C-alpha atoms as a PDB file:
ATOM      1  CA  MET A   1      29.117  -7.720  12.398  1.00  0.00           C
ATOM      2  CA  LYS A   2      26.364  -7.074  15.041  1.00  0.00           C
ATOM      3  CA  GLN A   3      26.629  -3.404  14.523  1.00  0.00           C
ATOM      4  CA  THR A   4      25.936  -3.869  10.725  1.00  0.00           C
ATOM      5  CA  ALA A   5      22.972  -6.143  11.450  1.00  0.00           C
ATOM      6  CA  HIS A   6      21.477  -3.542  13.840  1.00  0.00           C
ATOM      7  CA  ARG A   7      22.042  -0.740  11.488  1.00  0.00           C
ATOM      8  CA  LEU A   8      20.224  -2.707   8.696  1.00  0.00           C
ATOM      9  CA  VAL A   9      17.268  -3.452  11.075  1.00  0.00           C
ATOM     10  CA  ALA A  10      17.194   0.184  11.922  1.00  0.00           C
ATOM     11  CA  LEU A  11      17.257   1.242   8.409  1.00  0.00           C
ATOM     12  CA  GLY A  12      14.556  -1.222   7.531  1.00  0.00           C
ATOM     13  CA  LEU A  13      12.394   0.085  10.359  1.00  0.00           C
ATOM     14  CA  ALA A  14      13.051   3.674   9.249  1.00  0.00           C
ATOM     15  CA  LEU A  15      12.052   2.833   5.552  1.00  0.00           C
ATOM     16  CA  ALA A  16       8.818   1.075   6.740  1.00  0.00           C
ATOM     17  CA  LEU A  17       7.707   3.915   8.788  1.00  0.00           C
ATOM     18  CA  ALA A  18       8.515   6.440   6.059  1.00  0.00           C
ATOM     19  CA  PHE A  19       6.368   4.219   3.693  1.00  0.00           C
ATOM     20  CA  VAL A  20       3.515   4.028   6.149  1.00  0.00           C
ATOM     21  CA  ALA A  21       3.514   7.944   6.454  1.00  0.00           C
ATOM     22  CA  LEU A  22       3.099   8.542   2.735  1.00  0.00           C
ATOM     23  CA  PRO A  23      -0.364   9.480   1.589  1.00  0.00           C
ATOM     24  CA  ALA A  24      -2.290   6.810  -0.142  1.00  0.00           C
ATOM     25  CA  ALA A  25      -2.113   7.035  -3.899  1.00  0.00           C
ATOM     26  CA  ALA A  26      -3.532   4.635  -6.414  1.00  0.00           C
ATOM     27  CA  ALA A  27      -1.353   1.921  -7.854  1.00  0.00           C
ATOM     28  CA  PRO A  28      -0.363   2.724 -11.443  1.00  0.00           C
ATOM     29  CA  GLY A  29      -3.156   1.985 -13.947  1.00  0.00           C
ATOM     30  CA  GLN A  30      -6.012   1.979 -11.370  1.00  0.00           C
ATOM     31  CA  VAL A  31      -8.920   3.936 -12.691  1.00  0.00           C
ATOM     32  CA  VAL A  32     -12.599   4.691 -12.386  1.00  0.00           C
ATOM     33  CA  ASN A  33     -14.789   4.392 -15.442  1.00  0.00           C
ATOM     34  CA  VAL A  34     -16.869   7.501 -15.305  1.00  0.00           C
ATOM     35  CA  ASN A  35     -19.337   6.062 -17.663  1.00  0.00           C
ATOM     36  CA  SER A  36     -20.323   3.035 -15.341  1.00  0.00           C
ATOM     37  CA  ALA A  37     -19.065   4.092 -11.925  1.00  0.00           C
ATOM     38  CA  THR A  38     -21.399   4.317  -8.950  1.00  0.00           C
ATOM     39  CA  VAL A  39     -21.465   7.423  -6.634  1.00  0.00           C
ATOM     40  CA  GLU A  40     -19.402   5.352  -4.225  1.00  0.00           C
ATOM     41  CA  GLN A  41     -16.735   4.545  -6.764  1.00  0.00           C
ATOM     42  CA  LEU A  42     -16.498   8.024  -8.043  1.00  0.00           C
ATOM     43  CA  GLN A  43     -15.768   9.222  -4.491  1.00  0.00           C
ATOM     44  CA  LEU A  44     -12.561   7.194  -4.805  1.00  0.00           C
ATOM     45  CA  LEU A  45     -11.090   9.773  -7.052  1.00  0.00           C
ATOM     46  CA  PRO A  46      -9.032  12.604  -5.401  1.00  0.00           C
ATOM     47  CA  ASN A  47     -11.103  15.551  -4.205  1.00  0.00           C
ATOM     48  CA  VAL A  48     -14.414  14.106  -5.057  1.00  0.00           C
ATOM     49  CA  GLY A  49     -16.962  13.844  -2.363  1.00  0.00           C
ATOM     50  CA  PRO A  50     -20.599  12.718  -2.377  1.00  0.00           C
ATOM     51  CA  ALA A  51     -22.054  15.947  -3.841  1.00  0.00           C
ATOM     52  CA  LEU A  52     -19.587  16.107  -6.762  1.00  0.00           C
ATOM     53  CA  ALA A  53     -19.836  12.342  -7.429  1.00  0.00           C
ATOM     54  CA  GLN A  54     -23.590  12.733  -7.564  1.00  0.00           C
ATOM     55  CA  ARG A  55     -23.246  15.630  -9.945  1.00  0.00           C
ATOM     56  CA  ILE A  56     -21.169  13.403 -12.345  1.00  0.00           C
ATOM     57  CA  VAL A  57     -23.753  10.651 -12.225  1.00  0.00           C
ATOM     58  CA  GLU A  58     -26.600  13.088 -12.913  1.00  0.00           C
ATOM     59  CA  HIS A  59     -24.633  14.699 -15.882  1.00  0.00           C
ATOM     60  CA  ARG A  60     -24.168  11.157 -17.235  1.00  0.00           C
ATOM     61  CA  GLU A  61     -27.824  10.404 -17.016  1.00  0.00           C
ATOM     62  CA  GLN A  62     -29.003  13.766 -18.487  1.00  0.00           C
ATOM     63  CA  ASN A  63     -26.304  13.843 -21.358  1.00  0.00           C
ATOM     64  CA  GLY A  64     -25.237  10.380 -22.089  1.00  0.00           C
ATOM     65  CA  GLN A  65     -21.793   8.767 -21.684  1.00  0.00           C
ATOM     66  CA  PHE A  66     -18.704  10.924 -21.424  1.00  0.00           C
ATOM     67  CA  LYS A  67     -16.869  10.563 -24.802  1.00  0.00           C
ATOM     68  CA  ALA A  68     -13.551  11.717 -23.387  1.00  0.00           C
ATOM     69  CA  ALA A  69     -12.182  12.160 -19.937  1.00  0.00           C
ATOM     70  CA  GLU A  70     -11.961  15.949 -20.438  1.00  0.00           C
ATOM     71  CA  ASP A  71     -15.747  16.030 -20.652  1.00  0.00           C
ATOM     72  CA  LEU A  72     -15.726  15.959 -16.895  1.00  0.00           C
ATOM     73  CA  MET A  73     -15.036  19.538 -16.967  1.00  0.00           C
ATOM     74  CA  LEU A  74     -18.680  20.002 -18.080  1.00  0.00           C
ATOM     75  CA  VAL A  75     -19.811  18.950 -14.639  1.00  0.00           C
ATOM     76  CA  LYS A  76     -20.156  21.877 -12.174  1.00  0.00           C
ATOM     77  CA  GLY A  77     -17.283  21.855  -9.753  1.00  0.00           C
ATOM     78  CA  ILE A  78     -14.662  20.398 -12.100  1.00  0.00           C
ATOM     79  CA  GLY A  79     -12.410  22.953 -13.720  1.00  0.00           C
ATOM     80  CA  GLU A  80      -9.084  22.626 -15.352  1.00  0.00           C
ATOM     81  CA  LYS A  81      -6.978  22.346 -12.181  1.00  0.00           C
ATOM     82  CA  SER A  82      -9.184  19.852 -10.445  1.00  0.00           C
ATOM     83  CA  PHE A  83      -9.476  17.915 -13.761  1.00  0.00           C
ATOM     84  CA  GLU A  84      -5.615  17.646 -14.007  1.00  0.00           C
ATOM     85  CA  LYS A  85      -5.648  15.891 -10.512  1.00  0.00           C
ATOM     86  CA  LEU A  86      -8.272  13.497 -11.710  1.00  0.00           C
ATOM     87  CA  ARG A  87      -6.865  12.732 -15.193  1.00  0.00           C
ATOM     88  CA  PRO A  88      -4.606   9.897 -14.200  1.00  0.00           C
ATOM     89  CA  TYR A  89      -7.394   7.911 -12.455  1.00  0.00           C
ATOM     90  CA  VAL A  90     -10.212   8.492 -14.983  1.00  0.00           C
ATOM     91  CA  ALA A  91     -11.357   6.270 -17.878  1.00  0.00           C
ATOM     92  CA  THR A  92     -14.304   6.213 -20.272  1.00  0.00           C
ATOM     93  CA  SER A  93     -14.259   2.562 -20.985  1.00  0.00           C
ATOM     94  CA  GLY A  94     -13.208  -0.626 -19.318  1.00  0.00           C
ATOM     95  CA  ALA A  95     -13.590  -1.773 -15.749  1.00  0.00           C
ATOM     96  CA  THR A  96     -13.223   0.343 -12.704  1.00  0.00           C
ATOM     97  CA  THR A  97     -10.107  -1.049 -11.084  1.00  0.00           C
ATOM     98  CA  LEU A  98      -9.594   1.749  -8.254  1.00  0.00           C
ATOM     99  CA  THR A  99     -10.537   0.170  -4.929  1.00  0.00           C
ATOM    100  CA  GLU A 100      -9.090   2.789  -2.533  1.00  0.00           C
ATOM    101  CA  LYS A 101      -9.588   6.546  -1.969  1.00  0.00           C
ATOM    102  CA  VAL A 102      -6.838   8.523  -3.774  1.00  0.00           C
ATOM    103  CA  ARG A 103      -5.328  11.120  -1.289  1.00  0.00           C
ATOM    104  CA  LEU A 104      -3.005  13.475  -3.142  1.00  0.00           C
ATOM    105  CA  PRO A 105      -0.149  15.304  -1.092  1.00  0.00           C
ATOM    106  CA  LYS A 106      -0.751  18.936  -0.416  1.00  0.00           C
ATOM    107  CA  ALA A 107       1.111  21.472  -2.446  1.00  0.00           C
ATOM    108  CA  ASP A 108       4.176  22.850  -0.811  1.00  0.00           C
ATOM    109  CA  ALA A 109       2.520  26.399  -0.677  1.00  0.00           C
ATOM    110  CA  GLU A 110      -0.431  25.039   1.232  1.00  0.00           C
ATOM    111  CA  LYS A 111       1.936  23.426   3.637  1.00  0.00           C
ATOM    112  CA  LYS A 112       3.615  26.601   4.277  1.00  0.00           C
ATOM    113  CA  GLY A 113       0.609  28.775   4.271  1.00  0.00           C
END
């Protein structure tokens, strides 16, 4: 009985450590509204730093609100590949609910390279 309890505790600790080691990803449904977000909120998106966040805000100010999430590809620095990473976290209406930086896992090819 003691061995079983010890194994369960060890398994629980191993699972907890594995969970902590996972990269932070947003909870399902957490988004940034690109039509109302601040530069700081936009930086919560994966691979969006201060310069790109500023370009998104400037594009919105100069051209009006984004009608569709895909319109982000009109911003310099956002191509199809980078947009696909942003897509799950982007909204054009509603509240911004994302509160922590999204860090995506690196691709297997990048890890090996």
